[in-house]
């Protein structure tokens, strides 16, 4: 069991964009924090859904047929197997839960 920490503490320790820090695991899923700025690559997760919560900033989740824009305090669940990528023009702090299988497409 780990000592309590705040998201502020975790994000303060992240220096690089798109370098997720795994803060815990729930079953087979990683509980992550990441700073995001710019555009990430297209990928999918076949084993489970992926959950995003925006701690600060704005994040866009791009699907092949639409975009979902999330702002501070909002969350979104990416369906299992959905091809997607993320981007943030001005930067965002993102809490997300994801499986280990990152399949680039």
N, C-alpha and C. Protein backbone atom coordinates (compact mmCIF):
# COMPACT_ATOMS: atom_id res chain seq x y z
N UNK A 1 0.85 -1.18 0.00
CA UNK A 1 0.00 0.00 0.00
C UNK A 1 0.90 1.24 0.00
N UNK A 2 0.57 2.18 -0.85
CA UNK A 2 1.40 3.38 -0.95
C UNK A 2 0.84 4.50 -0.08
N UNK A 3 1.70 5.46 0.24
CA UNK A 3 1.28 6.62 1.01
C UNK A 3 0.42 7.53 0.13
N UNK A 4 -0.52 8.26 0.73
CA UNK A 4 -1.36 9.17 -0.05
C UNK A 4 -0.51 10.23 -0.75
N UNK A 5 -0.91 10.57 -1.97
CA UNK A 5 -0.28 11.61 -2.77
C UNK A 5 -1.39 12.36 -3.49
N UNK A 6 -1.10 13.59 -3.85
CA UNK A 6 -2.07 14.36 -4.63
C UNK A 6 -1.66 14.36 -6.09
N UNK A 7 -2.62 14.61 -6.98
CA UNK A 7 -2.29 14.74 -8.40
C UNK A 7 -1.34 15.91 -8.61
N UNK A 8 -1.47 16.96 -7.83
CA UNK A 8 -0.55 18.11 -7.93
C UNK A 8 0.89 17.65 -7.72
N UNK A 9 1.12 16.82 -6.71
CA UNK A 9 2.46 16.31 -6.43
C UNK A 9 2.99 15.47 -7.59
N UNK A 10 2.15 14.61 -8.11
CA UNK A 10 2.57 13.74 -9.20
C UNK A 10 2.93 14.56 -10.43
N UNK A 11 2.03 15.47 -10.83
CA UNK A 11 2.29 16.27 -12.04
C UNK A 11 3.49 17.20 -11.87
N UNK A 12 3.74 17.66 -10.66
CA UNK A 12 4.91 18.52 -10.42
C UNK A 12 6.21 17.79 -10.70
N UNK A 13 6.20 16.48 -10.57
CA UNK A 13 7.40 15.68 -10.80
C UNK A 13 7.59 15.21 -12.25
N UNK A 14 6.66 15.55 -13.14
CA UNK A 14 6.75 15.14 -14.55
C UNK A 14 7.36 16.27 -15.36
N UNK A 15 8.48 15.99 -16.02
CA UNK A 15 9.20 17.01 -16.77
C UNK A 15 9.04 16.90 -18.29
N UNK A 16 8.67 15.74 -18.79
CA UNK A 16 8.59 15.53 -20.24
C UNK A 16 7.17 15.24 -20.68
N UNK A 17 6.81 15.75 -21.87
CA UNK A 17 5.50 15.47 -22.45
C UNK A 17 5.45 14.04 -22.99
N UNK A 18 4.27 13.45 -22.95
CA UNK A 18 4.02 12.10 -23.45
C UNK A 18 4.97 11.07 -22.82
N UNK A 19 5.27 11.26 -21.55
CA UNK A 19 6.06 10.29 -20.78
C UNK A 19 5.25 9.89 -19.55
N UNK A 20 4.27 9.00 -19.73
CA UNK A 20 3.38 8.65 -18.63
C UNK A 20 4.12 8.09 -17.42
N UNK A 21 3.61 8.47 -16.26
CA UNK A 21 4.10 7.93 -15.00
C UNK A 21 2.99 7.03 -14.45
N UNK A 22 3.30 5.76 -14.27
CA UNK A 22 2.32 4.84 -13.70
C UNK A 22 2.34 5.01 -12.19
N UNK A 23 1.21 5.44 -11.64
CA UNK A 23 1.15 5.69 -10.20
C UNK A 23 0.53 4.53 -9.43
N UNK A 24 -0.11 3.61 -10.16
CA UNK A 24 -0.70 2.44 -9.50
C UNK A 24 -1.19 1.48 -10.58
N UNK A 25 -1.67 0.34 -10.14
CA UNK A 25 -2.33 -0.62 -11.03
C UNK A 25 -3.63 -1.05 -10.40
N UNK A 26 -4.63 -1.25 -11.25
CA UNK A 26 -5.92 -1.77 -10.82
C UNK A 26 -6.18 -3.00 -11.68
N UNK A 27 -6.04 -4.17 -11.10
CA UNK A 27 -6.14 -5.39 -11.88
C UNK A 27 -5.07 -5.40 -12.95
N UNK A 28 -5.48 -5.53 -14.20
CA UNK A 28 -4.54 -5.55 -15.32
C UNK A 28 -4.35 -4.17 -15.95
N UNK A 29 -4.85 -3.12 -15.33
CA UNK A 29 -4.80 -1.78 -15.90
C UNK A 29 -3.81 -0.89 -15.17
N UNK A 30 -3.17 0.00 -15.94
CA UNK A 30 -2.25 0.99 -15.39
C UNK A 30 -3.00 2.28 -15.07
N UNK A 31 -2.72 2.84 -13.92
CA UNK A 31 -3.25 4.16 -13.54
C UNK A 31 -2.09 5.13 -13.76
N UNK A 32 -2.27 6.06 -14.70
CA UNK A 32 -1.18 6.91 -15.18
C UNK A 32 -1.48 8.40 -15.04
N UNK A 33 -0.40 9.17 -15.02
CA UNK A 33 -0.46 10.62 -15.16
C UNK A 33 0.53 10.99 -16.25
N UNK A 34 0.14 11.95 -17.09
CA UNK A 34 1.03 12.38 -18.15
C UNK A 34 0.77 13.84 -18.48
N UNK A 35 1.83 14.54 -18.82
CA UNK A 35 1.70 15.88 -19.40
C UNK A 35 1.70 15.69 -20.91
N UNK A 36 0.81 16.38 -21.58
CA UNK A 36 0.62 16.22 -23.01
C UNK A 36 0.71 17.58 -23.68
N UNK A 37 1.48 17.65 -24.75
CA UNK A 37 1.52 18.86 -25.58
C UNK A 37 1.94 18.43 -26.97
N UNK A 38 1.16 18.80 -27.96
CA UNK A 38 1.41 18.36 -29.32
C UNK A 38 0.49 17.21 -29.68
N UNK A 39 0.93 16.40 -30.62
CA UNK A 39 0.10 15.33 -31.18
C UNK A 39 0.74 13.97 -30.94
N UNK A 40 -0.05 13.02 -30.44
CA UNK A 40 0.40 11.64 -30.23
C UNK A 40 0.03 10.80 -31.44
N UNK A 41 0.58 9.62 -31.58
CA UNK A 41 0.34 8.78 -32.76
C UNK A 41 -0.97 7.98 -32.65
N UNK A 42 -1.46 7.53 -33.80
CA UNK A 42 -2.65 6.69 -33.86
C UNK A 42 -2.35 5.33 -33.22
N UNK A 43 -3.28 4.84 -32.41
CA UNK A 43 -3.12 3.53 -31.78
C UNK A 43 -4.48 3.02 -31.30
N UNK A 44 -4.47 1.81 -30.79
CA UNK A 44 -5.69 1.23 -30.21
C UNK A 44 -5.28 0.29 -29.09
N UNK A 45 -6.25 -0.09 -28.27
CA UNK A 45 -6.06 -1.06 -27.19
C UNK A 45 -7.13 -2.13 -27.37
N UNK A 46 -6.71 -3.35 -27.64
CA UNK A 46 -7.68 -4.42 -27.90
C UNK A 46 -8.14 -5.14 -26.64
N UNK A 47 -7.41 -4.97 -25.52
CA UNK A 47 -7.74 -5.75 -24.33
C UNK A 47 -8.71 -5.05 -23.38
N UNK A 48 -8.81 -3.72 -23.46
CA UNK A 48 -9.68 -3.01 -22.53
C UNK A 48 -9.94 -1.59 -23.02
N UNK A 49 -10.90 -0.95 -22.37
CA UNK A 49 -11.18 0.46 -22.64
C UNK A 49 -10.07 1.31 -22.02
N UNK A 50 -10.04 2.59 -22.39
CA UNK A 50 -9.08 3.54 -21.82
C UNK A 50 -9.87 4.75 -21.31
N UNK A 51 -9.59 5.14 -20.08
CA UNK A 51 -10.31 6.23 -19.42
C UNK A 51 -9.39 7.44 -19.28
N UNK A 52 -9.88 8.62 -19.67
CA UNK A 52 -9.13 9.87 -19.55
C UNK A 52 -9.87 10.85 -18.65
N UNK A 53 -9.15 11.50 -17.74
CA UNK A 53 -9.67 12.59 -16.92
C UNK A 53 -8.70 13.76 -17.05
N UNK A 54 -9.21 14.95 -17.31
CA UNK A 54 -8.36 16.11 -17.53
C UNK A 54 -8.20 16.88 -16.22
N UNK A 55 -6.97 16.89 -15.72
CA UNK A 55 -6.65 17.59 -14.48
C UNK A 55 -6.45 19.09 -14.74
N UNK A 56 -5.75 19.42 -15.84
CA UNK A 56 -5.54 20.82 -16.24
C UNK A 56 -5.45 20.88 -17.75
N UNK A 57 -5.88 21.99 -18.32
CA UNK A 57 -5.75 22.21 -19.76
C UNK A 57 -6.88 21.60 -20.56
N UNK A 58 -6.60 21.43 -21.85
CA UNK A 58 -7.57 20.88 -22.80
C UNK A 58 -6.91 19.77 -23.60
N UNK A 59 -7.61 18.67 -23.76
CA UNK A 59 -7.12 17.53 -24.53
C UNK A 59 -8.17 17.17 -25.58
N UNK A 60 -7.71 16.91 -26.79
CA UNK A 60 -8.59 16.41 -27.84
C UNK A 60 -8.27 14.94 -28.09
N UNK A 61 -9.31 14.12 -28.08
CA UNK A 61 -9.17 12.72 -28.46
C UNK A 61 -9.72 12.61 -29.88
N UNK A 62 -8.85 12.26 -30.79
CA UNK A 62 -9.21 12.14 -32.19
C UNK A 62 -9.55 10.69 -32.51
N UNK A 63 -10.74 10.50 -33.06
CA UNK A 63 -11.12 9.21 -33.61
C UNK A 63 -11.06 9.35 -35.13
N UNK A 64 -11.21 8.27 -35.84
CA UNK A 64 -11.15 8.35 -37.30
C UNK A 64 -12.32 9.11 -37.89
N UNK A 65 -13.44 9.21 -37.15
CA UNK A 65 -14.63 9.87 -37.69
C UNK A 65 -15.10 11.09 -36.90
N UNK A 66 -14.41 11.43 -35.78
CA UNK A 66 -14.83 12.57 -34.97
C UNK A 66 -13.76 12.92 -33.96
N UNK A 67 -13.92 14.09 -33.35
CA UNK A 67 -13.03 14.53 -32.28
C UNK A 67 -13.86 14.76 -31.01
N UNK A 68 -13.26 14.45 -29.86
CA UNK A 68 -13.87 14.73 -28.57
C UNK A 68 -12.93 15.67 -27.83
N UNK A 69 -13.42 16.87 -27.49
CA UNK A 69 -12.61 17.86 -26.80
C UNK A 69 -12.96 17.83 -25.31
N UNK A 70 -11.94 17.64 -24.48
CA UNK A 70 -12.12 17.57 -23.03
C UNK A 70 -11.40 18.72 -22.37
N UNK A 71 -12.06 19.35 -21.42
CA UNK A 71 -11.46 20.43 -20.66
C UNK A 71 -11.33 20.02 -19.20
N UNK A 72 -10.65 20.84 -18.43
CA UNK A 72 -10.40 20.57 -17.01
C UNK A 72 -11.67 20.06 -16.32
N UNK A 73 -11.50 18.93 -15.62
CA UNK A 73 -12.61 18.36 -14.87
C UNK A 73 -13.49 17.41 -15.66
N UNK A 74 -13.26 17.28 -16.97
CA UNK A 74 -14.08 16.38 -17.78
C UNK A 74 -13.37 15.05 -17.99
N UNK A 75 -14.15 14.02 -18.31
CA UNK A 75 -13.59 12.70 -18.57
C UNK A 75 -14.26 12.07 -19.77
N UNK A 76 -13.59 11.04 -20.30
CA UNK A 76 -14.10 10.34 -21.48
C UNK A 76 -13.52 8.93 -21.48
N UNK A 77 -14.31 7.99 -21.94
CA UNK A 77 -13.92 6.59 -22.03
C UNK A 77 -13.75 6.22 -23.50
N UNK A 78 -12.57 5.79 -23.89
CA UNK A 78 -12.31 5.33 -25.26
C UNK A 78 -12.68 3.84 -25.32
N UNK A 79 -13.58 3.46 -26.22
CA UNK A 79 -13.98 2.06 -26.30
C UNK A 79 -12.82 1.13 -26.67
N UNK A 80 -12.88 -0.08 -26.17
CA UNK A 80 -11.90 -1.12 -26.50
C UNK A 80 -11.84 -1.28 -28.01
N UNK A 81 -10.61 -1.28 -28.55
CA UNK A 81 -10.41 -1.49 -29.98
C UNK A 81 -10.56 -0.26 -30.85
N UNK A 82 -10.97 0.88 -30.29
CA UNK A 82 -11.16 2.10 -31.09
C UNK A 82 -9.82 2.73 -31.44
N UNK A 83 -9.60 2.99 -32.72
CA UNK A 83 -8.39 3.67 -33.16
C UNK A 83 -8.52 5.14 -32.78
N UNK A 84 -7.48 5.66 -32.10
CA UNK A 84 -7.53 7.04 -31.62
C UNK A 84 -6.13 7.59 -31.43
N UNK A 85 -6.06 8.90 -31.25
CA UNK A 85 -4.83 9.58 -30.85
C UNK A 85 -5.24 10.80 -30.05
N UNK A 86 -4.31 11.38 -29.33
CA UNK A 86 -4.61 12.54 -28.50
C UNK A 86 -3.74 13.71 -28.92
N UNK A 87 -4.23 14.92 -28.60
CA UNK A 87 -3.43 16.11 -28.85
C UNK A 87 -3.84 17.21 -27.88
N UNK A 88 -2.91 18.14 -27.67
CA UNK A 88 -3.18 19.32 -26.88
C UNK A 88 -2.28 20.43 -27.40
N UNK A 89 -2.89 21.46 -27.91
CA UNK A 89 -2.13 22.57 -28.49
C UNK A 89 -1.36 23.35 -27.42
N UNK A 90 -2.02 23.64 -26.30
CA UNK A 90 -1.41 24.47 -25.25
C UNK A 90 -0.87 23.66 -24.08
N UNK A 91 -1.10 22.37 -24.07
CA UNK A 91 -0.64 21.51 -22.99
C UNK A 91 -1.76 21.13 -22.04
N UNK A 92 -1.65 19.92 -21.50
CA UNK A 92 -2.66 19.41 -20.56
C UNK A 92 -2.00 18.45 -19.60
N UNK A 93 -2.61 18.32 -18.42
CA UNK A 93 -2.24 17.31 -17.45
C UNK A 93 -3.37 16.29 -17.42
N UNK A 94 -3.02 15.04 -17.72
CA UNK A 94 -4.03 14.01 -17.95
C UNK A 94 -3.82 12.83 -17.00
N UNK A 95 -4.88 12.45 -16.33
CA UNK A 95 -4.94 11.24 -15.51
C UNK A 95 -5.66 10.21 -16.37
N UNK A 96 -5.04 9.04 -16.58
CA UNK A 96 -5.73 8.05 -17.41
C UNK A 96 -5.45 6.63 -16.95
N UNK A 97 -6.40 5.77 -17.24
CA UNK A 97 -6.32 4.36 -16.90
C UNK A 97 -6.31 3.59 -18.21
N UNK A 98 -5.27 2.77 -18.40
CA UNK A 98 -5.13 2.10 -19.69
C UNK A 98 -4.52 0.71 -19.54
N UNK A 99 -4.78 -0.14 -20.54
CA UNK A 99 -4.15 -1.46 -20.55
C UNK A 99 -2.72 -1.34 -21.07
N UNK A 100 -1.98 -2.43 -20.96
CA UNK A 100 -0.59 -2.46 -21.43
C UNK A 100 -0.46 -2.55 -22.95
N UNK A 101 -1.49 -3.01 -23.63
CA UNK A 101 -1.36 -3.23 -25.07
C UNK A 101 -1.61 -1.95 -25.87
N UNK A 102 -0.51 -1.37 -26.36
CA UNK A 102 -0.55 -0.19 -27.22
C UNK A 102 -0.22 -0.68 -28.63
N UNK A 103 -1.19 -0.70 -29.49
CA UNK A 103 -0.99 -1.20 -30.84
C UNK A 103 -1.00 -0.02 -31.79
N UNK A 104 0.15 0.32 -32.35
CA UNK A 104 0.22 1.42 -33.30
C UNK A 104 -0.46 1.02 -34.60
N UNK A 105 -1.16 1.98 -35.20
CA UNK A 105 -1.83 1.73 -36.47
C UNK A 105 -1.44 2.79 -37.49
